[in-house]
Amino acid sequence: GTRQMLLLAALYVHPNPPVILLLEEPDAGLHPAVLQPLVDLLRDL
C-alpha cells in the first residue's frame, strides 16, 4: 500500500503524467481512513 501510494504521489507531482493510467485495486493494502485522500488524489490525476 505504501509503495502504491508513493507511486501515485509521484505521478501527481510529475509535470507530464501518462496519458492513461491502469490501476488494479488501488485501495489494496490501505487502511480505510486513507481511502478518501486516495479518491481525492485520483480525481485530481
All heavy atoms as atom14 arrays in JSON, in Angstrom:
{
  "sequence": "GTRQMLLLAALYVHPNPPVILLLEEPDAGLHPAVLQPLVDLLRDL",
  "atom14_mask": [
    [1, 1, 1, 1, 0, 0, 0, 0, 0, 0, 0, 0, 0, 0],
    [1, 1, 1, 1, 1, 1, 1, 0, 0, 0, 0, 0, 0, 0],
    [1, 1, 1, 1, 1, 1, 1, 1, 1, 1, 1, 0, 0, 0],
    [1, 1, 1, 1, 1, 1, 1, 1, 1, 0, 0, 0, 0, 0],
    [1, 1, 1, 1, 1, 1, 1, 1, 0, 0, 0, 0, 0, 0],
    [1, 1, 1, 1, 1, 1, 1, 1, 0, 0, 0, 0, 0, 0],
    [1, 1, 1, 1, 1, 1, 1, 1, 0, 0, 0, 0, 0, 0],
    [1, 1, 1, 1, 1, 1, 1, 1, 0, 0, 0, 0, 0, 0],
    [1, 1, 1, 1, 1, 0, 0, 0, 0, 0, 0, 0, 0, 0],
    [1, 1, 1, 1, 1, 0, 0, 0, 0, 0, 0, 0, 0, 0],
    [1, 1, 1, 1, 1, 1, 1, 1, 0, 0, 0, 0, 0, 0],
    [1, 1, 1, 1, 1, 1, 1, 1, 1, 1, 1, 1, 0, 0],
    [1, 1, 1, 1, 1, 1, 1, 0, 0, 0, 0, 0, 0, 0],
    [1, 1, 1, 1, 1, 1, 1, 1, 1, 1, 0, 0, 0, 0],
    [1, 1, 1, 1, 1, 1, 1, 0, 0, 0, 0, 0, 0, 0],
    [1, 1, 1, 1, 1, 1, 1, 1, 0, 0, 0, 0, 0, 0],
    [1, 1, 1, 1, 1, 1, 1, 0, 0, 0, 0, 0, 0, 0],
    [1, 1, 1, 1, 1, 1, 1, 0, 0, 0, 0, 0, 0, 0],
    [1, 1, 1, 1, 1, 1, 1, 0, 0, 0, 0, 0, 0, 0],
    [1, 1, 1, 1, 1, 1, 1, 1, 0, 0, 0, 0, 0, 0],
    [1, 1, 1, 1, 1, 1, 1, 1, 0, 0, 0, 0, 0, 0],
    [1, 1, 1, 1, 1, 1, 1, 1, 0, 0, 0, 0, 0, 0],
    [1, 1, 1, 1, 1, 1, 1, 1, 0, 0, 0, 0, 0, 0],
    [1, 1, 1, 1, 1, 1, 1, 1, 1, 0, 0, 0, 0, 0],
    [1, 1, 1, 1, 1, 1, 1, 1, 1, 0, 0, 0, 0, 0],
    [1, 1, 1, 1, 1, 1, 1, 0, 0, 0, 0, 0, 0, 0],
    [1, 1, 1, 1, 1, 1, 1, 1, 0, 0, 0, 0, 0, 0],
    [1, 1, 1, 1, 1, 0, 0, 0, 0, 0, 0, 0, 0, 0],
    [1, 1, 1, 1, 0, 0, 0, 0, 0, 0, 0, 0, 0, 0],
    [1, 1, 1, 1, 1, 1, 1, 1, 0, 0, 0, 0, 0, 0],
    [1, 1, 1, 1, 1, 1, 1, 1, 1, 1, 0, 0, 0, 0],
    [1, 1, 1, 1, 1, 1, 1, 0, 0, 0, 0, 0, 0, 0],
    [1, 1, 1, 1, 1, 0, 0, 0, 0, 0, 0, 0, 0, 0],
    [1, 1, 1, 1, 1, 1, 1, 0, 0, 0, 0, 0, 0, 0],
    [1, 1, 1, 1, 1, 1, 1, 1, 0, 0, 0, 0, 0, 0],
    [1, 1, 1, 1, 1, 1, 1, 1, 1, 0, 0, 0, 0, 0],
    [1, 1, 1, 1, 1, 1, 1, 0, 0, 0, 0, 0, 0, 0],
    [1, 1, 1, 1, 1, 1, 1, 1, 0, 0, 0, 0, 0, 0],
    [1, 1, 1, 1, 1, 1, 1, 0, 0, 0, 0, 0, 0, 0],
    [1, 1, 1, 1, 1, 1, 1, 1, 0, 0, 0, 0, 0, 0],
    [1, 1, 1, 1, 1, 1, 1, 1, 0, 0, 0, 0, 0, 0],
    [1, 1, 1, 1, 1, 1, 1, 1, 0, 0, 0, 0, 0, 0],
    [1, 1, 1, 1, 1, 1, 1, 1, 1, 1, 1, 0, 0, 0],
    [1, 1, 1, 1, 1, 1, 1, 1, 0, 0, 0, 0, 0, 0],
    [1, 1, 1, 1, 1, 1, 1, 1, 0, 0, 0, 0, 0, 0]
  ],
  "atom14_positions": [
    [[0.81, -1.21, 0.0], [0.0, 0.0, 0.0], [0.85, 1.26, 0.0], [0.56, 2.22, -0.74], [0.0, 0.0, 0.0], [0.0, 0.0, 0.0], [0.0, 0.0, 0.0], [0.0, 0.0, 0.0], [0.0, 0.0, 0.0], [0.0, 0.0, 0.0], [0.0, 0.0, 0.0], [0.0, 0.0, 0.0], [0.0, 0.0, 0.0], [0.0, 0.0, 0.0]],
    [[1.91, 1.28, 0.8], [2.79, 2.45, 0.86], [3.51, 2.64, -0.47], [3.61, 3.76, -0.98], [3.8, 2.32, 2.01], [3.08, 2.22, 3.24], [4.73, 3.51, 2.07], [0.0, 0.0, 0.0], [0.0, 0.0, 0.0], [0.0, 0.0, 0.0], [0.0, 0.0, 0.0], [0.0, 0.0, 0.0], [0.0, 0.0, 0.0], [0.0, 0.0, 0.0]],
    [[3.98, 1.55, -1.07], [4.64, 1.66, -2.39], [3.68, 2.19, -3.45], [4.04, 3.05, -4.26], [5.21, 0.31, -2.82], [6.47, -0.09, -2.1], [7.18, -1.25, -2.78], [6.33, -2.39, -3.06], [6.19, -3.44, -2.27], [6.87, -3.51, -1.15], [5.4, -4.44, -2.61], [0.0, 0.0, 0.0], [0.0, 0.0, 0.0], [0.0, 0.0, 0.0]],
    [[2.45, 1.71, -3.42], [1.48, 2.17, -4.41], [1.17, 3.66, -4.22], [1.08, 4.41, -5.18], [0.18, 1.35, -4.33], [-0.84, 1.83, -5.35], [-1.6, 0.7, -5.97], [-1.02, -0.32, -6.33], [-2.88, 0.87, -6.11], [0.0, 0.0, 0.0], [0.0, 0.0, 0.0], [0.0, 0.0, 0.0], [0.0, 0.0, 0.0], [0.0, 0.0, 0.0]],
    [[1.03, 4.08, -2.97], [0.76, 5.49, -2.7], [1.96, 6.37, -3.07], [1.79, 7.48, -3.56], [0.37, 5.71, -1.24], [-0.97, 5.09, -0.86], [-2.35, 5.56, -1.94], [-2.44, 4.15, -3.02], [0.0, 0.0, 0.0], [0.0, 0.0, 0.0], [0.0, 0.0, 0.0], [0.0, 0.0, 0.0], [0.0, 0.0, 0.0], [0.0, 0.0, 0.0]],
    [[3.16, 5.84, -2.89], [4.37, 6.56, -3.29], [4.37, 6.77, -4.81], [4.64, 7.86, -5.3], [5.61, 5.78, -2.85], [6.97, 6.35, -3.24], [7.17, 7.73, -2.65], [8.08, 5.41, -2.77], [0.0, 0.0, 0.0], [0.0, 0.0, 0.0], [0.0, 0.0, 0.0], [0.0, 0.0, 0.0], [0.0, 0.0, 0.0], [0.0, 0.0, 0.0]],
    [[4.01, 5.74, -5.54], [3.93, 5.85, -7.0], [2.87, 6.87, -7.42], [3.1, 7.72, -8.27], [3.62, 4.48, -7.62], [3.32, 4.5, -9.12], [4.54, 4.92, -9.91], [2.81, 3.15, -9.58], [0.0, 0.0, 0.0], [0.0, 0.0, 0.0], [0.0, 0.0, 0.0], [0.0, 0.0, 0.0], [0.0, 0.0, 0.0], [0.0, 0.0, 0.0]],
    [[1.68, 6.79, -6.82], [0.61, 7.74, -7.17], [0.98, 9.17, -6.81], [0.68, 10.1, -7.56], [-0.7, 7.33, -6.51], [-1.34, 6.06, -7.08], [-2.57, 5.67, -6.27], [-1.69, 6.22, -8.54], [0.0, 0.0, 0.0], [0.0, 0.0, 0.0], [0.0, 0.0, 0.0], [0.0, 0.0, 0.0], [0.0, 0.0, 0.0], [0.0, 0.0, 0.0]],
    [[1.64, 9.36, -5.66], [2.08, 10.7, -5.28], [3.12, 11.22, -6.28], [3.1, 12.41, -6.65], [2.64, 10.69, -3.86], [0.0, 0.0, 0.0], [0.0, 0.0, 0.0], [0.0, 0.0, 0.0], [0.0, 0.0, 0.0], [0.0, 0.0, 0.0], [0.0, 0.0, 0.0], [0.0, 0.0, 0.0], [0.0, 0.0, 0.0], [0.0, 0.0, 0.0]],
    [[4.01, 10.35, -6.75], [5.0, 10.76, -7.75], [4.32, 11.15, -9.06], [4.69, 12.15, -9.69], [6.01, 9.63, -7.97], [0.0, 0.0, 0.0], [0.0, 0.0, 0.0], [0.0, 0.0, 0.0], [0.0, 0.0, 0.0], [0.0, 0.0, 0.0], [0.0, 0.0, 0.0], [0.0, 0.0, 0.0], [0.0, 0.0, 0.0], [0.0, 0.0, 0.0]],
    [[3.31, 10.39, -9.46], [2.57, 10.74, -10.68], [1.84, 12.08, -10.51], [1.73, 12.86, -11.45], [1.57, 9.65, -11.04], [2.16, 8.37, -11.6], [1.09, 7.31, -11.74], [2.82, 8.63, -12.94], [0.0, 0.0, 0.0], [0.0, 0.0, 0.0], [0.0, 0.0, 0.0], [0.0, 0.0, 0.0], [0.0, 0.0, 0.0], [0.0, 0.0, 0.0]],
    [[1.35, 12.31, -9.3], [0.62, 13.55, -9.01], [1.52, 14.78, -9.21], [1.07, 15.79, -9.74], [0.08, 13.5, -7.58], [-0.65, 14.75, -7.17], [-1.95, 14.97, -7.58], [-0.03, 15.7, -6.38], [-2.63, 16.12, -7.2], [-0.7, 16.86, -6.0], [-2.0, 17.06, -6.41], [-2.66, 18.19, -6.04], [0.0, 0.0, 0.0], [0.0, 0.0, 0.0]],
    [[2.77, 14.69, -8.79], [3.66, 15.85, -8.91], [4.43, 15.86, -10.23], [5.11, 16.83, -10.54], [4.66, 15.93, -7.72], [3.91, 16.11, -6.41], [5.57, 14.73, -7.66], [0.0, 0.0, 0.0], [0.0, 0.0, 0.0], [0.0, 0.0, 0.0], [0.0, 0.0, 0.0], [0.0, 0.0, 0.0], [0.0, 0.0, 0.0], [0.0, 0.0, 0.0]],
    [[4.33, 14.81, -11.01], [5.04, 14.75, -12.29], [4.45, 15.77, -13.27], [3.23, 15.86, -13.4], [4.95, 13.34, -12.88], [5.94, 13.08, -13.96], [5.79, 13.56, -15.23], [7.12, 12.4, -13.94], [6.81, 13.19, -15.97], [7.64, 12.49, -15.2], [0.0, 0.0, 0.0], [0.0, 0.0, 0.0], [0.0, 0.0, 0.0], [0.0, 0.0, 0.0]],
    [[5.29, 16.53, -13.96], [4.76, 17.53, -14.89], [4.04, 16.94, -16.1], [3.17, 17.58, -16.68], [6.0, 18.32, -15.33], [7.16, 17.43, -15.03], [6.75, 16.54, -13.9], [0.0, 0.0, 0.0], [0.0, 0.0, 0.0], [0.0, 0.0, 0.0], [0.0, 0.0, 0.0], [0.0, 0.0, 0.0], [0.0, 0.0, 0.0], [0.0, 0.0, 0.0]],
    [[4.39, 15.7, -16.49], [3.76, 15.05, -17.65], [3.37, 13.63, -17.29], [4.05, 12.68, -17.65], [4.74, 15.04, -18.84], [5.12, 16.42, -19.27], [4.27, 17.26, -19.49], [6.42, 16.67, -19.35], [0.0, 0.0, 0.0], [0.0, 0.0, 0.0], [0.0, 0.0, 0.0], [0.0, 0.0, 0.0], [0.0, 0.0, 0.0], [0.0, 0.0, 0.0]],
    [[2.24, 13.47, -16.61], [1.82, 12.11, -16.25], [1.46, 11.33, -17.52], [1.28, 11.91, -18.59], [0.59, 12.33, -15.37], [0.06, 13.65, -15.8], [1.25, 14.46, -16.22], [0.0, 0.0, 0.0], [0.0, 0.0, 0.0], [0.0, 0.0, 0.0], [0.0, 0.0, 0.0], [0.0, 0.0, 0.0], [0.0, 0.0, 0.0], [0.0, 0.0, 0.0]],
    [[1.34, 10.01, -17.41], [0.97, 9.22, -18.59], [-0.42, 9.61, -19.1], [-1.23, 10.15, -18.36], [0.99, 7.78, -18.08], [0.83, 7.9, -16.6], [1.44, 9.2, -16.2], [0.0, 0.0, 0.0], [0.0, 0.0, 0.0], [0.0, 0.0, 0.0], [0.0, 0.0, 0.0], [0.0, 0.0, 0.0], [0.0, 0.0, 0.0], [0.0, 0.0, 0.0]],
    [[-0.66, 9.32, -20.36], [-1.95, 9.63, -20.96], [-3.05, 8.79, -20.33], [-4.16, 9.26, -20.08], [-1.9, 9.4, -22.49], [-3.27, 9.57, -23.12], [-0.89, 10.34, -23.12], [0.0, 0.0, 0.0], [0.0, 0.0, 0.0], [0.0, 0.0, 0.0], [0.0, 0.0, 0.0], [0.0, 0.0, 0.0], [0.0, 0.0, 0.0], [0.0, 0.0, 0.0]],
    [[-2.73, 7.53, -20.06], [-3.7, 6.63, -19.43], [-3.0, 5.89, -18.29], [-1.84, 5.5, -18.4], [-4.32, 5.64, -20.45], [-5.46, 4.87, -19.82], [-3.28, 4.73, -21.04], [-6.35, 4.15, -20.81], [0.0, 0.0, 0.0], [0.0, 0.0, 0.0], [0.0, 0.0, 0.0], [0.0, 0.0, 0.0], [0.0, 0.0, 0.0], [0.0, 0.0, 0.0]],
    [[-3.73, 5.73, -17.21], [-3.21, 5.05, -16.03], [-4.15, 3.9, -15.69], [-5.34, 4.11, -15.49], [-3.14, 6.04, -14.86], [-2.6, 5.57, -13.54], [-1.16, 5.07, -13.68], [-2.66, 6.7, -12.52], [0.0, 0.0, 0.0], [0.0, 0.0, 0.0], [0.0, 0.0, 0.0], [0.0, 0.0, 0.0], [0.0, 0.0, 0.0], [0.0, 0.0, 0.0]],
    [[-3.62, 2.68, -15.67], [-4.4, 1.49, -15.35], [-4.0, 1.03, -13.95], [-2.82, 0.78, -13.69], [-4.13, 0.37, -16.36], [-4.37, 0.72, -17.83], [-3.92, -0.42, -18.72], [-5.81, 1.05, -18.07], [0.0, 0.0, 0.0], [0.0, 0.0, 0.0], [0.0, 0.0, 0.0], [0.0, 0.0, 0.0], [0.0, 0.0, 0.0], [0.0, 0.0, 0.0]],
    [[-4.97, 0.95, -13.07], [-4.7, 0.57, -11.68], [-5.55, -0.63, -11.29], [-6.78, -0.6, -11.43], [-5.03, 1.72, -10.73], [-4.24, 3.01, -10.93], [-4.82, 4.12, -10.07], [-2.78, 2.77, -10.59], [0.0, 0.0, 0.0], [0.0, 0.0, 0.0], [0.0, 0.0, 0.0], [0.0, 0.0, 0.0], [0.0, 0.0, 0.0], [0.0, 0.0, 0.0]],
    [[-4.9, -1.66, -10.8], [-5.64, -2.8, -10.28], [-5.72, -2.66, -8.77], [-4.71, -2.7, -8.08], [-4.95, -4.11, -10.66], [-5.74, -5.31, -10.18], [-5.12, -6.63, -10.63], [-4.08, -6.63, -11.28], [-5.71, -7.66, -10.28], [0.0, 0.0, 0.0], [0.0, 0.0, 0.0], [0.0, 0.0, 0.0], [0.0, 0.0, 0.0], [0.0, 0.0, 0.0]],
    [[-6.92, -2.46, -8.29], [-7.2, -2.33, -6.87], [-6.27, -1.34, -6.16], [-5.47, -1.73, -5.32], [-7.19, -3.7, -6.2], [-8.21, -4.63, -6.82], [-8.48, -5.87, -6.0], [-8.38, -5.79, -4.77], [-8.81, -6.9, -6.61], [0.0, 0.0, 0.0], [0.0, 0.0, 0.0], [0.0, 0.0, 0.0], [0.0, 0.0, 0.0], [0.0, 0.0, 0.0]],
    [[-6.38, -0.05, -6.5], [-5.51, 0.94, -5.87], [-5.69, 1.04, -4.36], [-4.83, 1.56, -3.66], [-5.91, 2.25, -6.56], [-7.29, 2.01, -7.06], [-7.35, 0.55, -7.4], [0.0, 0.0, 0.0], [0.0, 0.0, 0.0], [0.0, 0.0, 0.0], [0.0, 0.0, 0.0], [0.0, 0.0, 0.0], [0.0, 0.0, 0.0], [0.0, 0.0, 0.0]],
    [[-6.78, 0.49, -3.87], [-7.08, 0.52, -2.43], [-6.51, -0.69, -1.68], [-6.57, -0.73, -0.46], [-8.59, 0.58, -2.23], [-9.3, -0.54, -3.0], [-9.07, -0.67, -4.21], [-10.07, -1.29, -2.39], [0.0, 0.0, 0.0], [0.0, 0.0, 0.0], [0.0, 0.0, 0.0], [0.0, 0.0, 0.0], [0.0, 0.0, 0.0], [0.0, 0.0, 0.0]],
    [[-5.93, -1.64, -2.4], [-5.41, -2.85, -1.76], [-4.3, -2.5, -0.78], [-3.4, -1.72, -1.08], [-4.89, -3.82, -2.81], [0.0, 0.0, 0.0], [0.0, 0.0, 0.0], [0.0, 0.0, 0.0], [0.0, 0.0, 0.0], [0.0, 0.0, 0.0], [0.0, 0.0, 0.0], [0.0, 0.0, 0.0], [0.0, 0.0, 0.0], [0.0, 0.0, 0.0]],
    [[-4.39, -3.05, 0.4], [-3.37, -2.84, 1.41], [-3.45, -1.51, 2.13], [-2.56, -1.16, 2.89], [0.0, 0.0, 0.0], [0.0, 0.0, 0.0], [0.0, 0.0, 0.0], [0.0, 0.0, 0.0], [0.0, 0.0, 0.0], [0.0, 0.0, 0.0], [0.0, 0.0, 0.0], [0.0, 0.0, 0.0], [0.0, 0.0, 0.0], [0.0, 0.0, 0.0]],
    [[-4.52, -0.76, 1.9], [-4.66, 0.55, 2.53], [-5.63, 0.51, 3.69], [-6.63, -0.21, 3.65], [-5.16, 1.59, 1.52], [-4.25, 1.91, 0.35], [-4.89, 2.98, -0.52], [-2.89, 2.35, 0.82], [0.0, 0.0, 0.0], [0.0, 0.0, 0.0], [0.0, 0.0, 0.0], [0.0, 0.0, 0.0], [0.0, 0.0, 0.0], [0.0, 0.0, 0.0]],
    [[-5.36, 1.3, 4.68], [-6.29, 1.46, 5.8], [-7.5, 2.25, 5.29], [-7.34, 3.18, 4.49], [-5.59, 2.22, 6.94], [-6.39, 2.25, 8.19], [-7.44, 3.13, 8.36], [-6.31, 1.51, 9.32], [-7.97, 2.93, 9.56], [-7.3, 1.95, 10.16], [0.0, 0.0, 0.0], [0.0, 0.0, 0.0], [0.0, 0.0, 0.0], [0.0, 0.0, 0.0]],
    [[-8.71, 1.9, 5.7], [-9.9, 2.62, 5.23], [-9.84, 4.14, 5.46], [-10.44, 4.89, 4.73], [-11.04, 1.99, 6.03], [-10.56, 0.62, 6.37], [-9.06, 0.75, 6.56], [0.0, 0.0, 0.0], [0.0, 0.0, 0.0], [0.0, 0.0, 0.0], [0.0, 0.0, 0.0], [0.0, 0.0, 0.0], [0.0, 0.0, 0.0], [0.0, 0.0, 0.0]],
    [[-9.09, 4.57, 6.45], [-9.0, 6.01, 6.73], [-8.32, 6.8, 5.62], [-8.52, 8.01, 5.52], [-8.26, 6.25, 8.05], [0.0, 0.0, 0.0], [0.0, 0.0, 0.0], [0.0, 0.0, 0.0], [0.0, 0.0, 0.0], [0.0, 0.0, 0.0], [0.0, 0.0, 0.0], [0.0, 0.0, 0.0], [0.0, 0.0, 0.0], [0.0, 0.0, 0.0]],
    [[-7.54, 6.14, 4.77], [-6.88, 6.87, 3.69], [-7.58, 6.7, 2.35], [-7.08, 7.16, 1.33], [-5.38, 6.51, 3.57], [-4.63, 6.88, 4.82], [-5.19, 5.05, 3.22], [0.0, 0.0, 0.0], [0.0, 0.0, 0.0], [0.0, 0.0, 0.0], [0.0, 0.0, 0.0], [0.0, 0.0, 0.0], [0.0, 0.0, 0.0], [0.0, 0.0, 0.0]],
    [[-8.74, 6.08, 2.35], [-9.47, 5.92, 1.09], [-9.93, 7.27, 0.52], [-9.85, 7.49, -0.68], [-10.66, 4.98, 1.26], [-10.31, 3.51, 1.47], [-11.58, 2.68, 1.6], [-9.41, 2.97, 0.37], [0.0, 0.0, 0.0], [0.0, 0.0, 0.0], [0.0, 0.0, 0.0], [0.0, 0.0, 0.0], [0.0, 0.0, 0.0], [0.0, 0.0, 0.0]],
    [[-10.41, 8.17, 1.38], [-10.86, 9.47, 0.85], [-9.69, 10.27, 0.26], [-9.83, 10.81, -0.84], [-11.59, 10.29, 1.92], [-12.26, 11.53, 1.34], [-13.29, 11.21, 0.26], [-14.23, 10.46, 0.5], [-13.11, 11.75, -0.94], [0.0, 0.0, 0.0], [0.0, 0.0, 0.0], [0.0, 0.0, 0.0], [0.0, 0.0, 0.0], [0.0, 0.0, 0.0]],
    [[-8.53, 10.35, 0.92], [-7.4, 11.01, 0.26], [-7.0, 10.33, -1.06], [-6.62, 11.01, -2.01], [-6.26, 10.93, 1.29], [-6.96, 10.84, 2.6], [-8.23, 10.05, 2.33], [0.0, 0.0, 0.0], [0.0, 0.0, 0.0], [0.0, 0.0, 0.0], [0.0, 0.0, 0.0], [0.0, 0.0, 0.0], [0.0, 0.0, 0.0], [0.0, 0.0, 0.0]],
    [[-7.12, 9.0, -1.13], [-6.85, 8.29, -2.38], [-7.83, 8.74, -3.46], [-7.43, 9.04, -4.59], [-6.93, 6.78, -2.17], [-6.89, 5.93, -3.45], [-5.55, 6.08, -4.16], [-7.19, 4.48, -3.14], [0.0, 0.0, 0.0], [0.0, 0.0, 0.0], [0.0, 0.0, 0.0], [0.0, 0.0, 0.0], [0.0, 0.0, 0.0], [0.0, 0.0, 0.0]],
    [[-9.11, 8.79, -3.13], [-10.13, 9.22, -4.09], [-9.84, 10.66, -4.54], [-9.9, 10.97, -5.74], [-11.55, 9.1, -3.49], [-12.58, 9.81, -4.36], [-11.91, 7.62, -3.33], [0.0, 0.0, 0.0], [0.0, 0.0, 0.0], [0.0, 0.0, 0.0], [0.0, 0.0, 0.0], [0.0, 0.0, 0.0], [0.0, 0.0, 0.0], [0.0, 0.0, 0.0]],
    [[-9.5, 11.53, -3.62], [-9.18, 12.92, -3.96], [-7.99, 12.98, -4.91], [-8.0, 13.73, -5.89], [-8.9, 13.74, -2.71], [-10.11, 13.88, -1.8], [-11.26, 13.66, -2.27], [-9.92, 14.2, -0.61], [0.0, 0.0, 0.0], [0.0, 0.0, 0.0], [0.0, 0.0, 0.0], [0.0, 0.0, 0.0], [0.0, 0.0, 0.0], [0.0, 0.0, 0.0]],
    [[-6.97, 12.19, -4.62], [-5.78, 12.15, -5.48], [-6.14, 11.65, -6.88], [-5.73, 12.23, -7.89], [-4.71, 11.26, -4.86], [-3.48, 10.99, -5.73], [-2.67, 12.26, -5.93], [-2.63, 9.9, -5.13], [0.0, 0.0, 0.0], [0.0, 0.0, 0.0], [0.0, 0.0, 0.0], [0.0, 0.0, 0.0], [0.0, 0.0, 0.0], [0.0, 0.0, 0.0]],
    [[-6.92, 10.56, -6.95], [-7.3, 10.02, -8.26], [-8.15, 11.02, -9.04], [-8.0, 11.15, -10.25], [-8.03, 8.69, -8.08], [-7.16, 7.54, -7.57], [-8.02, 6.29, -7.33], [-6.01, 7.24, -8.5], [0.0, 0.0, 0.0], [0.0, 0.0, 0.0], [0.0, 0.0, 0.0], [0.0, 0.0, 0.0], [0.0, 0.0, 0.0], [0.0, 0.0, 0.0]],
    [[-9.03, 11.73, -8.35], [-9.83, 12.75, -9.04], [-8.95, 13.85, -9.59], [-9.15, 14.33, -10.71], [-10.88, 13.32, -8.09], [-12.06, 12.42, -7.9], [-13.11, 13.02, -6.99], [-14.26, 12.15, -6.9], [-14.93, 11.9, -5.79], [-14.58, 12.49, -4.65], [-15.97, 11.09, -5.81], [0.0, 0.0, 0.0], [0.0, 0.0, 0.0], [0.0, 0.0, 0.0]],
    [[-7.96, 14.29, -8.82], [-7.03, 15.31, -9.31], [-6.23, 14.79, -10.5], [-6.06, 15.5, -11.5], [-6.07, 15.76, -8.2], [-6.73, 16.68, -7.19], [-7.84, 17.19, -7.47], [-6.13, 16.9, -6.11], [0.0, 0.0, 0.0], [0.0, 0.0, 0.0], [0.0, 0.0, 0.0], [0.0, 0.0, 0.0], [0.0, 0.0, 0.0], [0.0, 0.0, 0.0]],
    [[-5.73, 13.57, -10.39], [-4.98, 12.98, -11.5], [-5.85, 12.83, -12.75], [-5.37, 13.0, -13.87], [-4.43, 11.61, -11.12], [-3.08, 11.57, -10.42], [-2.77, 10.17, -9.93], [-1.98, 12.05, -11.35], [0.0, 0.0, 0.0], [0.0, 0.0, 0.0], [0.0, 0.0, 0.0], [0.0, 0.0, 0.0], [0.0, 0.0, 0.0], [0.0, 0.0, 0.0]]
  ]
}
